[in-house]
Amino acid sequence: MCILARSTPKELPTLAERMPEQGDLSMDRIERYVLGELSGREAREVEAAASADAALRSLLDELQGGMERLALMNAVVPPPGIKQRVLDVVERQAREGASRPPVMHAGSTAADFAPWIDRPGMVRPPDAGDIHVIPFADNSDGASALVWLVSGSPEETHTDCIEKFLIVEGSCHIAFGQNVHVLEAGDVFSIPLYTAHTVKVTSAVPCKIILQRIAA
């Protein structure tokens, strides 16, 4: 593994200075193409011109070869173990991303959260009270928990997060202001900020809910 020092246009092989203008392409644009500084559209224009002009294609090959040689001449040997440290960081980030549940949205389903809510131990104990909560994530996206309500929850207001519900089992009514929203298994609902609300269970079985609080 080596880290290549970036070259500047002044370090390009002197062939670039000796070549005349290539049709509508200036040497500045050709050099910027070799350095990877053109936009996608501009790069495609250079490549199209090179495909129709053997001299330009030869020039580009010569410049790119010179850049590669120059980069290798200026290569910096990295400290011992740097490759493994980079790989460890990438692996850790991938692992953390895989363990983070999705942010709930209108089209979310319980299946989206199966890797978290179907884990061993994610069950309501027989002696649980009226409200039983099992948190399963707390990260920069917000806090997530599996909640069982037997009769409902008292009024509350959130000033720093948006609360989202996904009903897994049972049914409930969520009331705020003069509005009452009837929710059944599969429904998703969000509570706006600064909104006092209550939950009343309407099913014979505890209402099982995926609750997510997203920082506002």
C-alpha atoms as a PDB file:
ATOM      1  CA  MET A   1       0.000   0.000   0.000  1.00  0.00           C
ATOM      2  CA  CYS A   2       1.402   3.424  -0.910  1.00  0.00           C
ATOM      3  CA  ILE A   3       0.096   6.975  -0.701  1.00  0.00           C
ATOM      4  CA  LEU A   4       0.640   8.938  -3.899  1.00  0.00           C
ATOM      5  CA  ALA A   5       1.508  12.598  -3.749  1.00  0.00           C
ATOM      6  CA  ARG A   6      -0.778  14.747  -5.931  1.00  0.00           C
ATOM      7  CA  SER A   7       0.968  16.510  -8.770  1.00  0.00           C
ATOM      8  CA  THR A   8       0.222  19.981 -10.104  1.00  0.00           C
ATOM      9  CA  PRO A   9       0.007  21.072 -13.751  1.00  0.00           C
ATOM     10  CA  LYS A  10       3.546  22.521 -13.531  1.00  0.00           C
ATOM     11  CA  GLU A  11       4.864  19.016 -12.800  1.00  0.00           C
ATOM     12  CA  LEU A  12       3.412  17.491 -15.987  1.00  0.00           C
ATOM     13  CA  PRO A  13       5.916  16.132 -18.503  1.00  0.00           C
ATOM     14  CA  THR A  14       7.354  18.869 -20.704  1.00  0.00           C
ATOM     15  CA  LEU A  15       5.713  17.121 -23.696  1.00  0.00           C
ATOM     16  CA  ALA A  16       2.594  19.079 -22.737  1.00  0.00           C
ATOM     17  CA  GLU A  17       4.426  22.349 -23.301  1.00  0.00           C
ATOM     18  CA  ARG A  18       5.727  21.259 -26.696  1.00  0.00           C
ATOM     19  CA  MET A  19       2.361  20.158 -28.141  1.00  0.00           C
ATOM     20  CA  PRO A  20       0.235  22.581 -30.173  1.00  0.00           C
ATOM     21  CA  GLU A  21      -3.454  23.210 -29.465  1.00  0.00           C
ATOM     22  CA  GLN A  22      -5.564  20.115 -30.224  1.00  0.00           C
ATOM     23  CA  GLY A  23      -8.477  21.430 -32.263  1.00  0.00           C
ATOM     24  CA  ASP A  24     -10.933  23.064 -29.844  1.00  0.00           C
ATOM     25  CA  LEU A  25      -9.107  21.614 -26.845  1.00  0.00           C
ATOM     26  CA  SER A  26      -6.518  23.803 -25.145  1.00  0.00           C
ATOM     27  CA  MET A  27      -3.507  22.311 -23.388  1.00  0.00           C
ATOM     28  CA  ASP A  28      -4.959  23.613 -20.140  1.00  0.00           C
ATOM     29  CA  ARG A  29      -8.068  21.473 -20.616  1.00  0.00           C
ATOM     30  CA  ILE A  30      -5.982  18.437 -21.631  1.00  0.00           C
ATOM     31  CA  GLU A  31      -3.798  18.823 -18.550  1.00  0.00           C
ATOM     32  CA  ARG A  32      -6.855  19.233 -16.310  1.00  0.00           C
ATOM     33  CA  TYR A  33      -8.322  16.068 -17.852  1.00  0.00           C
ATOM     34  CA  VAL A  34      -5.187  14.115 -16.986  1.00  0.00           C
ATOM     35  CA  LEU A  35      -5.289  15.538 -13.445  1.00  0.00           C
ATOM     36  CA  GLY A  36      -8.964  14.563 -13.066  1.00  0.00           C
ATOM     37  CA  GLU A  37     -10.077  18.167 -12.539  1.00  0.00           C
ATOM     38  CA  LEU A  38     -12.747  18.347 -15.267  1.00  0.00           C
ATOM     39  CA  SER A  39     -16.461  17.883 -14.716  1.00  0.00           C
ATOM     40  CA  GLY A  40     -18.041  14.695 -16.025  1.00  0.00           C
ATOM     41  CA  ARG A  41     -19.376  16.488 -19.102  1.00  0.00           C
ATOM     42  CA  GLU A  42     -16.013  18.118 -19.889  1.00  0.00           C
ATOM     43  CA  ALA A  43     -14.157  14.816 -19.447  1.00  0.00           C
ATOM     44  CA  ARG A  44     -16.559  13.078 -21.851  1.00  0.00           C
ATOM     45  CA  GLU A  45     -15.910  15.812 -24.431  1.00  0.00           C
ATOM     46  CA  VAL A  46     -12.146  15.199 -24.211  1.00  0.00           C
ATOM     47  CA  GLU A  47     -12.624  11.431 -24.501  1.00  0.00           C
ATOM     48  CA  ALA A  48     -14.917  11.858 -27.525  1.00  0.00           C
ATOM     49  CA  ALA A  49     -12.312  14.043 -29.204  1.00  0.00           C
ATOM     50  CA  ALA A  50      -9.556  11.539 -28.423  1.00  0.00           C
ATOM     51  CA  SER A  51     -11.554   8.659 -29.907  1.00  0.00           C
ATOM     52  CA  ALA A  52     -11.645  10.557 -33.228  1.00  0.00           C
ATOM     53  CA  ASP A  53      -8.063  11.891 -33.148  1.00  0.00           C
ATOM     54  CA  ALA A  54      -5.159   9.426 -32.932  1.00  0.00           C
ATOM     55  CA  ALA A  55      -2.664  12.223 -32.174  1.00  0.00           C
ATOM     56  CA  LEU A  56      -4.733  13.441 -29.233  1.00  0.00           C
ATOM     57  CA  ARG A  57      -5.158   9.885 -27.961  1.00  0.00           C
ATOM     58  CA  SER A  58      -1.371   9.412 -28.140  1.00  0.00           C
ATOM     59  CA  LEU A  59      -0.838  12.684 -26.273  1.00  0.00           C
ATOM     60  CA  LEU A  60      -3.235  11.675 -23.496  1.00  0.00           C
ATOM     61  CA  ASP A  61      -1.542   8.281 -23.149  1.00  0.00           C
ATOM     62  CA  GLU A  62       1.862   9.970 -22.947  1.00  0.00           C
ATOM     63  CA  LEU A  63       0.725  12.469 -20.328  1.00  0.00           C
ATOM     64  CA  GLN A  64      -1.033   9.827 -18.222  1.00  0.00           C
ATOM     65  CA  GLY A  65       2.043   7.616 -18.361  1.00  0.00           C
ATOM     66  CA  GLY A  66       4.188  10.526 -17.249  1.00  0.00           C
ATOM     67  CA  MET A  67       1.816  11.263 -14.382  1.00  0.00           C
ATOM     68  CA  GLU A  68       2.000   7.666 -13.209  1.00  0.00           C
ATOM     69  CA  ARG A  69       5.799   7.729 -13.279  1.00  0.00           C
ATOM     70  CA  LEU A  70       5.856  11.053 -11.440  1.00  0.00           C
ATOM     71  CA  ALA A  71       3.441   9.757  -8.793  1.00  0.00           C
ATOM     72  CA  LEU A  72       5.552   6.651  -8.202  1.00  0.00           C
ATOM     73  CA  MET A  73       8.700   8.782  -7.909  1.00  0.00           C
ATOM     74  CA  ASN A  74       6.973  10.851  -5.192  1.00  0.00           C
ATOM     75  CA  ALA A  75       5.277   7.950  -3.441  1.00  0.00           C
ATOM     76  CA  VAL A  76       5.336   8.121   0.367  1.00  0.00           C
ATOM     77  CA  VAL A  77       5.797   4.910   2.316  1.00  0.00           C
ATOM     78  CA  PRO A  78       3.021   4.801   4.934  1.00  0.00           C
ATOM     79  CA  PRO A  79       3.743   4.044   8.606  1.00  0.00           C
ATOM     80  CA  PRO A  80       3.776   0.341   9.535  1.00  0.00           C
ATOM     81  CA  GLY A  81       0.313  -1.015  10.319  1.00  0.00           C
ATOM     82  CA  ILE A  82      -1.610   1.863   8.700  1.00  0.00           C
ATOM     83  CA  LYS A  83      -3.353  -0.461   6.238  1.00  0.00           C
ATOM     84  CA  GLN A  84      -4.704  -2.653   9.025  1.00  0.00           C
ATOM     85  CA  ARG A  85      -5.832   0.382  11.026  1.00  0.00           C
ATOM     86  CA  VAL A  86      -7.735   1.719   8.013  1.00  0.00           C
ATOM     87  CA  LEU A  87      -9.364  -1.674   7.433  1.00  0.00           C
ATOM     88  CA  ASP A  88     -10.316  -1.890  11.115  1.00  0.00           C
ATOM     89  CA  VAL A  89     -12.038   1.518  10.952  1.00  0.00           C
ATOM     90  CA  VAL A  90     -13.943   0.552   7.792  1.00  0.00           C
ATOM     91  CA  GLU A  91     -15.035  -2.730   9.355  1.00  0.00           C
ATOM     92  CA  ARG A  92     -16.162  -1.021  12.573  1.00  0.00           C
ATOM     93  CA  GLN A  93     -18.175   1.580  10.665  1.00  0.00           C
ATOM     94  CA  ALA A  94     -19.834  -1.137   8.583  1.00  0.00           C
ATOM     95  CA  ARG A  95     -20.642  -3.084  11.745  1.00  0.00           C
ATOM     96  CA  GLU A  96     -22.134  -0.031  13.451  1.00  0.00           C
ATOM     97  CA  GLY A  97     -24.202   0.791  10.367  1.00  0.00           C
ATOM     98  CA  ALA A  98     -25.547  -2.746  10.240  1.00  0.00           C
ATOM     99  CA  SER A  99     -26.588  -2.598  13.922  1.00  0.00           C
ATOM    100  CA  ARG A 100     -28.501   0.691  13.557  1.00  0.00           C
ATOM    101  CA  PRO A 101     -32.250   0.344  12.924  1.00  0.00           C
ATOM    102  CA  PRO A 102     -33.825   2.348  10.103  1.00  0.00           C
ATOM    103  CA  VAL A 103     -35.527   5.672  10.752  1.00  0.00           C
ATOM    104  CA  MET A 104     -39.264   5.088  10.766  1.00  0.00           C
ATOM    105  CA  HIS A 105     -41.329   6.571   7.911  1.00  0.00           C
ATOM    106  CA  ALA A 106     -44.859   6.292   6.552  1.00  0.00           C
ATOM    107  CA  GLY A 107     -44.040   3.121   4.611  1.00  0.00           C
ATOM    108  CA  SER A 108     -42.211   1.321   7.434  1.00  0.00           C
ATOM    109  CA  THR A 109     -43.299  -2.168   8.472  1.00  0.00           C
ATOM    110  CA  ALA A 110     -42.526  -4.373  11.457  1.00  0.00           C
ATOM    111  CA  ALA A 111     -40.402  -6.539   9.139  1.00  0.00           C
ATOM    112  CA  ASP A 112     -38.000  -3.601   8.726  1.00  0.00           C
ATOM    113  CA  PHE A 113     -37.200  -3.894  12.441  1.00  0.00           C
ATOM    114  CA  ALA A 114     -37.192  -7.704  12.643  1.00  0.00           C
ATOM    115  CA  PRO A 115     -33.419  -7.992  13.340  1.00  0.00           C
ATOM    116  CA  TRP A 116     -33.974  -5.947  16.519  1.00  0.00           C
ATOM    117  CA  ILE A 117     -37.442  -6.832  17.806  1.00  0.00           C
ATOM    118  CA  ASP A 118     -37.169 -10.574  17.071  1.00  0.00           C
ATOM    119  CA  ARG A 119     -34.048 -11.038  19.172  1.00  0.00           C
ATOM    120  CA  PRO A 120     -34.161 -13.441  22.123  1.00  0.00           C
ATOM    121  CA  GLY A 121     -35.509 -11.714  25.197  1.00  0.00           C
ATOM    122  CA  MET A 122     -37.624  -9.174  23.283  1.00  0.00           C
ATOM    123  CA  VAL A 123     -40.838 -10.415  24.944  1.00  0.00           C
ATOM    124  CA  ARG A 124     -43.189  -8.999  27.560  1.00  0.00           C
ATOM    125  CA  PRO A 125     -42.826 -10.815  30.901  1.00  0.00           C
ATOM    126  CA  PRO A 126     -46.015 -12.362  32.355  1.00  0.00           C
ATOM    127  CA  ASP A 127     -45.782 -10.118  35.428  1.00  0.00           C
ATOM    128  CA  ALA A 128     -45.178  -6.876  33.483  1.00  0.00           C
ATOM    129  CA  GLY A 129     -47.141  -3.820  34.501  1.00  0.00           C
ATOM    130  CA  ASP A 130     -49.394  -1.531  32.491  1.00  0.00           C
ATOM    131  CA  ILE A 131     -46.416  -0.194  30.506  1.00  0.00           C
ATOM    132  CA  HIS A 132     -43.404  -2.325  29.609  1.00  0.00           C
ATOM    133  CA  VAL A 133     -40.463  -0.918  27.609  1.00  0.00           C
ATOM    134  CA  ILE A 134     -37.420  -2.669  26.111  1.00  0.00           C
ATOM    135  CA  PRO A 135     -34.979  -0.213  24.443  1.00  0.00           C
ATOM    136  CA  PHE A 136     -33.073  -1.657  21.485  1.00  0.00           C
ATOM    137  CA  ALA A 137     -31.174   1.305  20.006  1.00  0.00           C
ATOM    138  CA  ASP A 138     -29.880   4.720  21.049  1.00  0.00           C
ATOM    139  CA  ASN A 139     -27.705   6.518  18.509  1.00  0.00           C
ATOM    140  CA  SER A 140     -27.440   9.722  16.500  1.00  0.00           C
ATOM    141  CA  ASP A 141     -30.644   8.849  14.612  1.00  0.00           C
ATOM    142  CA  GLY A 142     -32.590   8.675  17.857  1.00  0.00           C
ATOM    143  CA  ALA A 143     -33.810   6.201  20.466  1.00  0.00           C
ATOM    144  CA  SER A 144     -35.868   3.120  19.595  1.00  0.00           C
ATOM    145  CA  ALA A 145     -37.782   0.775  21.868  1.00  0.00           C
ATOM    146  CA  LEU A 146     -40.348  -1.991  21.863  1.00  0.00           C
ATOM    147  CA  VAL A 147     -43.300  -0.995  24.059  1.00  0.00           C
ATOM    148  CA  TRP A 148     -46.328  -2.867  25.391  1.00  0.00           C
ATOM    149  CA  LEU A 149     -49.329  -0.886  26.682  1.00  0.00           C
ATOM    150  CA  VAL A 150     -52.172  -2.618  28.500  1.00  0.00           C
ATOM    151  CA  SER A 151     -54.508   0.338  28.953  1.00  0.00           C
ATOM    152  CA  GLY A 152     -52.575   3.301  27.581  1.00  0.00           C
ATOM    153  CA  SER A 153     -50.133   6.030  28.548  1.00  0.00           C
ATOM    154  CA  PRO A 154     -50.632   9.369  30.341  1.00  0.00           C
ATOM    155  CA  GLU A 155     -50.463  12.715  28.597  1.00  0.00           C
ATOM    156  CA  GLU A 156     -47.001  13.884  27.569  1.00  0.00           C
ATOM    157  CA  THR A 157     -45.433  16.570  25.392  1.00  0.00           C
ATOM    158  CA  HIS A 158     -42.066  16.418  23.616  1.00  0.00           C
ATOM    159  CA  THR A 159     -40.018  19.568  23.030  1.00  0.00           C
ATOM    160  CA  ASP A 160     -36.822  18.020  21.681  1.00  0.00           C
ATOM    161  CA  CYS A 161     -37.887  15.007  19.625  1.00  0.00           C
ATOM    162  CA  ILE A 162     -40.473  13.746  17.184  1.00  0.00           C
ATOM    163  CA  GLU A 163     -42.178  10.605  18.457  1.00  0.00           C
ATOM    164  CA  LYS A 164     -43.117   7.901  15.968  1.00  0.00           C
ATOM    165  CA  PHE A 165     -45.267   4.801  16.501  1.00  0.00           C
ATOM    166  CA  LEU A 166     -45.511   1.608  14.475  1.00  0.00           C
ATOM    167  CA  ILE A 167     -48.248  -0.689  15.768  1.00  0.00           C
ATOM    168  CA  VAL A 168     -47.121  -4.328  15.754  1.00  0.00           C
ATOM    169  CA  GLU A 169     -50.039  -5.983  17.576  1.00  0.00           C
ATOM    170  CA  GLY A 170     -53.348  -4.800  18.992  1.00  0.00           C
ATOM    171  CA  SER A 171     -54.886  -1.383  18.468  1.00  0.00           C
ATOM    172  CA  CYS A 172     -55.085   2.020  20.150  1.00  0.00           C
ATOM    173  CA  HIS A 173     -56.343   5.571  19.912  1.00  0.00           C
ATOM    174  CA  ILE A 174     -53.867   8.455  19.997  1.00  0.00           C
ATOM    175  CA  ALA A 175     -55.475  11.744  20.931  1.00  0.00           C
ATOM    176  CA  PHE A 176     -54.101  15.274  20.773  1.00  0.00           C
ATOM    177  CA  GLY A 177     -56.185  18.414  20.819  1.00  0.00           C
ATOM    178  CA  GLN A 178     -59.573  17.612  19.363  1.00  0.00           C
ATOM    179  CA  ASN A 179     -58.188  14.866  17.120  1.00  0.00           C
ATOM    180  CA  VAL A 180     -58.376  11.140  17.808  1.00  0.00           C
ATOM    181  CA  HIS A 181     -56.431   8.802  15.523  1.00  0.00           C
ATOM    182  CA  VAL A 182     -57.437   5.152  15.345  1.00  0.00           C
ATOM    183  CA  LEU A 183     -54.410   2.905  14.897  1.00  0.00           C
ATOM    184  CA  GLU A 184     -54.245  -0.804  14.185  1.00  0.00           C
ATOM    185  CA  ALA A 185     -51.465  -3.318  13.490  1.00  0.00           C
ATOM    186  CA  GLY A 186     -49.306  -2.059  10.607  1.00  0.00           C
ATOM    187  CA  ASP A 187     -50.153   1.628  11.073  1.00  0.00           C
ATOM    188  CA  VAL A 188     -47.432   4.287  11.451  1.00  0.00           C
ATOM    189  CA  PHE A 189     -48.061   7.596  13.179  1.00  0.00           C
ATOM    190  CA  SER A 190     -45.928  10.619  14.137  1.00  0.00           C
ATOM    191  CA  ILE A 191     -46.478  13.094  16.960  1.00  0.00           C
ATOM    192  CA  PRO A 192     -45.435  16.686  16.171  1.00  0.00           C
ATOM    193  CA  LEU A 193     -43.262  18.705  18.537  1.00  0.00           C
ATOM    194  CA  TYR A 194     -44.940  20.601  21.385  1.00  0.00           C
ATOM    195  CA  THR A 195     -48.089  18.504  21.076  1.00  0.00           C
ATOM    196  CA  ALA A 196     -49.697  17.069  24.201  1.00  0.00           C
ATOM    197  CA  HIS A 197     -50.986  13.574  23.477  1.00  0.00           C
ATOM    198  CA  THR A 198     -52.345  10.460  25.152  1.00  0.00           C
ATOM    199  CA  VAL A 199     -52.598   6.825  24.090  1.00  0.00           C
ATOM    200  CA  LYS A 200     -55.600   4.604  24.902  1.00  0.00           C
ATOM    201  CA  VAL A 201     -55.475   0.875  24.112  1.00  0.00           C
ATOM    202  CA  THR A 202     -58.623  -0.435  22.400  1.00  0.00           C
ATOM    203  CA  SER A 203     -57.669  -4.093  21.909  1.00  0.00           C
ATOM    204  CA  ALA A 204     -58.215  -7.032  24.248  1.00  0.00           C
ATOM    205  CA  VAL A 205     -54.495  -7.788  24.123  1.00  0.00           C
ATOM    206  CA  PRO A 206     -51.676  -5.373  25.033  1.00  0.00           C
ATOM    207  CA  CYS A 207     -50.843  -2.984  22.228  1.00  0.00           C
ATOM    208  CA  LYS A 208     -47.327  -3.800  21.052  1.00  0.00           C
ATOM    209  CA  ILE A 209     -45.607  -0.772  19.554  1.00  0.00           C
ATOM    210  CA  ILE A 210     -42.239   0.076  18.014  1.00  0.00           C
ATOM    211  CA  LEU A 211     -41.544   3.518  19.446  1.00  0.00           C
ATOM    212  CA  GLN A 212     -38.932   5.808  17.982  1.00  0.00           C
ATOM    213  CA  ARG A 213     -37.919   9.252  19.209  1.00  0.00           C
ATOM    214  CA  ILE A 214     -35.995  11.254  16.614  1.00  0.00           C
ATOM    215  CA  ALA A 215     -34.039  14.268  17.843  1.00  0.00           C
ATOM    216  CA  ALA A 216     -35.455  17.485  16.405  1.00  0.00           C
END
